[in-house]
Amino acid sequence: MGTPVVGKNASVVAVDTHIVLVPTPAGSVPTPLPHPFVGAVTSATVPTVKVGGQPVATLDSVAKNNPPHIAMPPGVSFQSPPSDEGTVTQASSTVTIGGKGVARVGDQVTTCNDPADQPVGTIVGPVGTVSAG
């Protein structure tokens, strides 16, 4: 049957962990806190192939978090500013375009995290009519 293929503007969600600086009387304390990543595939798509009227997304397509992360309270700033980006790191192994697997609903996205990016994101839609295994 396969899984729905996605294109540019496909939604990506994750819960990233970023280190924020929490003020204390003794000074700022670096504290890891969860931050929602709610974004969309914005670049590194294949413009010559369309799905749902949009360029198809593939392995290595890039998602942008929008709005950008803000330091979650009680943090007041980030220890290291997040990139607010994610990269599709799981895609079809049987259907390729331009030598890369097509991205599908449910595929993994590696998003900005501290101390290093982590594969905690997922493509959630939109669900179209084109499917791939």
C-alpha atoms as a PDB file:
ATOM      1  CA  MET A   1       0.000   0.000   0.000  1.00  0.00           C
ATOM      2  CA  GLY A   2       2.707   2.515   0.925  1.00  0.00           C
ATOM      3  CA  THR A   3       2.743   5.737   2.903  1.00  0.00           C
ATOM      4  CA  PRO A   4       1.696   9.213   1.662  1.00  0.00           C
ATOM      5  CA  VAL A   5       4.525  11.153  -0.028  1.00  0.00           C
ATOM      6  CA  VAL A   6       5.023  14.784   1.043  1.00  0.00           C
ATOM      7  CA  GLY A   7       6.282  17.939  -0.608  1.00  0.00           C
ATOM      8  CA  LYS A   8       7.414  21.426   0.250  1.00  0.00           C
ATOM      9  CA  ASN A   9       5.435  22.916   3.168  1.00  0.00           C
ATOM     10  CA  ALA A  10       4.875  19.480   4.759  1.00  0.00           C
ATOM     11  CA  SER A  11       4.465  19.864   8.523  1.00  0.00           C
ATOM     12  CA  VAL A  12       7.179  18.690  10.909  1.00  0.00           C
ATOM     13  CA  VAL A  13       6.804  18.412  14.688  1.00  0.00           C
ATOM     14  CA  ALA A  14       9.279  17.587  17.445  1.00  0.00           C
ATOM     15  CA  VAL A  15      10.136  18.316  21.041  1.00  0.00           C
ATOM     16  CA  ASP A  16      13.685  19.646  21.066  1.00  0.00           C
ATOM     17  CA  THR A  17      15.886  20.007  24.122  1.00  0.00           C
ATOM     18  CA  HIS A  18      17.808  23.265  24.396  1.00  0.00           C
ATOM     19  CA  ILE A  19      20.026  24.508  27.185  1.00  0.00           C
ATOM     20  CA  VAL A  20      18.710  27.776  28.581  1.00  0.00           C
ATOM     21  CA  LEU A  21      20.309  30.032  31.161  1.00  0.00           C
ATOM     22  CA  VAL A  22      18.216  30.234  34.315  1.00  0.00           C
ATOM     23  CA  PRO A  23      19.058  33.183  36.566  1.00  0.00           C
ATOM     24  CA  THR A  24      19.776  32.433  40.222  1.00  0.00           C
ATOM     25  CA  PRO A  25      21.285  34.534  43.016  1.00  0.00           C
ATOM     26  CA  ALA A  26      24.566  32.672  42.400  1.00  0.00           C
ATOM     27  CA  GLY A  27      24.529  33.393  38.648  1.00  0.00           C
ATOM     28  CA  SER A  28      23.043  31.790  35.532  1.00  0.00           C
ATOM     29  CA  VAL A  29      22.592  28.025  35.571  1.00  0.00           C
ATOM     30  CA  PRO A  30      22.592  26.141  32.231  1.00  0.00           C
ATOM     31  CA  THR A  31      19.410  24.037  32.271  1.00  0.00           C
ATOM     32  CA  PRO A  32      18.130  21.643  29.571  1.00  0.00           C
ATOM     33  CA  LEU A  33      14.435  22.310  28.845  1.00  0.00           C
ATOM     34  CA  PRO A  34      11.991  21.019  26.200  1.00  0.00           C
ATOM     35  CA  HIS A  35      11.034  23.349  23.332  1.00  0.00           C
ATOM     36  CA  PRO A  36       8.363  22.628  20.699  1.00  0.00           C
ATOM     37  CA  PHE A  37       9.514  22.464  17.072  1.00  0.00           C
ATOM     38  CA  VAL A  38       6.576  23.184  14.752  1.00  0.00           C
ATOM     39  CA  GLY A  39       7.767  23.802  11.249  1.00  0.00           C
ATOM     40  CA  ALA A  40       7.519  22.981   7.587  1.00  0.00           C
ATOM     41  CA  VAL A  41       9.748  21.633   4.834  1.00  0.00           C
ATOM     42  CA  THR A  42      11.095  24.754   3.122  1.00  0.00           C
ATOM     43  CA  SER A  43      14.101  23.808   0.998  1.00  0.00           C
ATOM     44  CA  ALA A  44      16.226  21.101  -0.645  1.00  0.00           C
ATOM     45  CA  THR A  45      13.153  19.703  -2.432  1.00  0.00           C
ATOM     46  CA  VAL A  46      12.949  18.473  -6.053  1.00  0.00           C
ATOM     47  CA  PRO A  47      11.269  21.206  -8.137  1.00  0.00           C
ATOM     48  CA  THR A  48      10.867  19.022 -11.244  1.00  0.00           C
ATOM     49  CA  VAL A  49       8.589  16.509  -9.484  1.00  0.00           C
ATOM     50  CA  LYS A  50       5.384  17.665  -7.780  1.00  0.00           C
ATOM     51  CA  VAL A  51       3.132  16.086  -5.176  1.00  0.00           C
ATOM     52  CA  GLY A  52      -0.016  17.965  -4.227  1.00  0.00           C
ATOM     53  CA  GLY A  53       1.205  20.804  -6.445  1.00  0.00           C
ATOM     54  CA  GLN A  54       4.414  21.216  -4.410  1.00  0.00           C
ATOM     55  CA  PRO A  55       8.015  20.147  -5.134  1.00  0.00           C
ATOM     56  CA  VAL A  56       8.542  16.682  -3.629  1.00  0.00           C
ATOM     57  CA  ALA A  57      10.521  16.376  -0.381  1.00  0.00           C
ATOM     58  CA  THR A  58      13.312  13.808  -0.158  1.00  0.00           C
ATOM     59  CA  LEU A  59      16.022  12.587   2.174  1.00  0.00           C
ATOM     60  CA  ASP A  60      18.008  15.695   3.240  1.00  0.00           C
ATOM     61  CA  SER A  61      15.137  18.147   2.615  1.00  0.00           C
ATOM     62  CA  VAL A  62      15.218  20.946   5.208  1.00  0.00           C
ATOM     63  CA  ALA A  63      12.448  22.038   7.581  1.00  0.00           C
ATOM     64  CA  LYS A  64      12.349  25.436   9.285  1.00  0.00           C
ATOM     65  CA  ASN A  65      10.843  25.939  12.752  1.00  0.00           C
ATOM     66  CA  ASN A  66       8.320  28.787  12.663  1.00  0.00           C
ATOM     67  CA  PRO A  67       8.034  30.706  14.868  1.00  0.00           C
ATOM     68  CA  PRO A  68      11.643  30.356  16.028  1.00  0.00           C
ATOM     69  CA  HIS A  69      12.410  28.911  19.458  1.00  0.00           C
ATOM     70  CA  ILE A  70      12.304  31.284  22.404  1.00  0.00           C
ATOM     71  CA  ALA A  71      13.971  30.463  25.706  1.00  0.00           C
ATOM     72  CA  MET A  72      11.386  28.633  27.800  1.00  0.00           C
ATOM     73  CA  PRO A  73      10.832  30.025  31.295  1.00  0.00           C
ATOM     74  CA  PRO A  74      12.418  30.085  33.741  1.00  0.00           C
ATOM     75  CA  GLY A  75      15.233  30.447  31.195  1.00  0.00           C
ATOM     76  CA  VAL A  76      15.960  33.929  29.864  1.00  0.00           C
ATOM     77  CA  SER A  77      18.358  33.123  27.009  1.00  0.00           C
ATOM     78  CA  PHE A  78      19.956  30.193  25.217  1.00  0.00           C
ATOM     79  CA  GLN A  79      23.411  28.931  26.042  1.00  0.00           C
ATOM     80  CA  SER A  80      23.812  28.389  22.275  1.00  0.00           C
ATOM     81  CA  PRO A  81      21.272  29.903  19.840  1.00  0.00           C
ATOM     82  CA  PRO A  82      19.245  27.151  18.103  1.00  0.00           C
ATOM     83  CA  SER A  83      19.388  26.846  14.311  1.00  0.00           C
ATOM     84  CA  ASP A  84      15.602  26.319  14.143  1.00  0.00           C
ATOM     85  CA  GLU A  85      16.165  23.769  11.366  1.00  0.00           C
ATOM     86  CA  GLY A  86      15.619  20.091  10.821  1.00  0.00           C
ATOM     87  CA  THR A  87      16.733  17.670   8.111  1.00  0.00           C
ATOM     88  CA  VAL A  88      14.779  14.693   6.777  1.00  0.00           C
ATOM     89  CA  THR A  89      16.926  11.718   7.836  1.00  0.00           C
ATOM     90  CA  GLN A  90      14.569   8.854   7.011  1.00  0.00           C
ATOM     91  CA  ALA A  91      12.821   8.372   3.668  1.00  0.00           C
ATOM     92  CA  SER A  92      11.734   5.626   1.290  1.00  0.00           C
ATOM     93  CA  SER A  93      14.409   3.051   0.500  1.00  0.00           C
ATOM     94  CA  THR A  94      12.507   1.795  -2.554  1.00  0.00           C
ATOM     95  CA  VAL A  95      11.247   4.961  -4.285  1.00  0.00           C
ATOM     96  CA  THR A  96      13.869   7.556  -5.190  1.00  0.00           C
ATOM     97  CA  ILE A  97      13.916  10.843  -7.062  1.00  0.00           C
ATOM     98  CA  GLY A  98      17.237  12.358  -8.031  1.00  0.00           C
ATOM     99  CA  GLY A  99      18.966   9.495  -6.229  1.00  0.00           C
ATOM    100  CA  LYS A 100      17.305  10.254  -2.877  1.00  0.00           C
ATOM    101  CA  GLY A 101      14.406   8.509  -1.173  1.00  0.00           C
ATOM    102  CA  VAL A 102      11.086  10.356  -1.213  1.00  0.00           C
ATOM    103  CA  ALA A 103       9.912  11.705   2.146  1.00  0.00           C
ATOM    104  CA  ARG A 104       6.646  10.388   3.561  1.00  0.00           C
ATOM    105  CA  VAL A 105       4.267  11.038   6.420  1.00  0.00           C
ATOM    106  CA  GLY A 106       5.833   9.496   9.539  1.00  0.00           C
ATOM    107  CA  ASP A 107       9.430   9.776   8.343  1.00  0.00           C
ATOM    108  CA  GLN A 108      12.089  10.956  10.781  1.00  0.00           C
ATOM    109  CA  VAL A 109      13.527  14.474  10.904  1.00  0.00           C
ATOM    110  CA  THR A 110      16.677  15.355  12.831  1.00  0.00           C
ATOM    111  CA  THR A 111      16.045  18.717  14.507  1.00  0.00           C
ATOM    112  CA  CYS A 112      18.121  21.279  16.392  1.00  0.00           C
ATOM    113  CA  ASN A 113      18.891  20.125  19.946  1.00  0.00           C
ATOM    114  CA  ASP A 114      21.597  20.631  22.546  1.00  0.00           C
ATOM    115  CA  PRO A 115      24.281  19.545  22.825  1.00  0.00           C
ATOM    116  CA  ALA A 116      23.812  17.993  19.336  1.00  0.00           C
ATOM    117  CA  ASP A 117      21.002  17.633  16.797  1.00  0.00           C
ATOM    118  CA  GLN A 118      18.755  14.610  17.458  1.00  0.00           C
ATOM    119  CA  PRO A 119      16.354  12.489  15.337  1.00  0.00           C
ATOM    120  CA  VAL A 120      13.253  13.445  17.343  1.00  0.00           C
ATOM    121  CA  GLY A 121      11.105  15.045  14.627  1.00  0.00           C
ATOM    122  CA  THR A 122       8.376  13.513  12.493  1.00  0.00           C
ATOM    123  CA  ILE A 123       6.697  14.531   9.248  1.00  0.00           C
ATOM    124  CA  VAL A 124       2.972  14.697  10.060  1.00  0.00           C
ATOM    125  CA  GLY A 125       1.341  15.785   6.823  1.00  0.00           C
ATOM    126  CA  PRO A 126      -0.449  16.806   4.820  1.00  0.00           C
ATOM    127  CA  VAL A 127      -1.722  13.406   3.744  1.00  0.00           C
ATOM    128  CA  GLY A 128      -2.032  13.278  -0.035  1.00  0.00           C
ATOM    129  CA  THR A 129      -3.011  10.686  -2.598  1.00  0.00           C
ATOM    130  CA  VAL A 130       0.491   9.665  -3.771  1.00  0.00           C
ATOM    131  CA  SER A 131       2.068   6.846  -1.738  1.00  0.00           C
ATOM    132  CA  ALA A 132       5.480   5.155  -1.626  1.00  0.00           C
ATOM    133  CA  GLY A 133       6.916   2.166   0.218  1.00  0.00           C
END
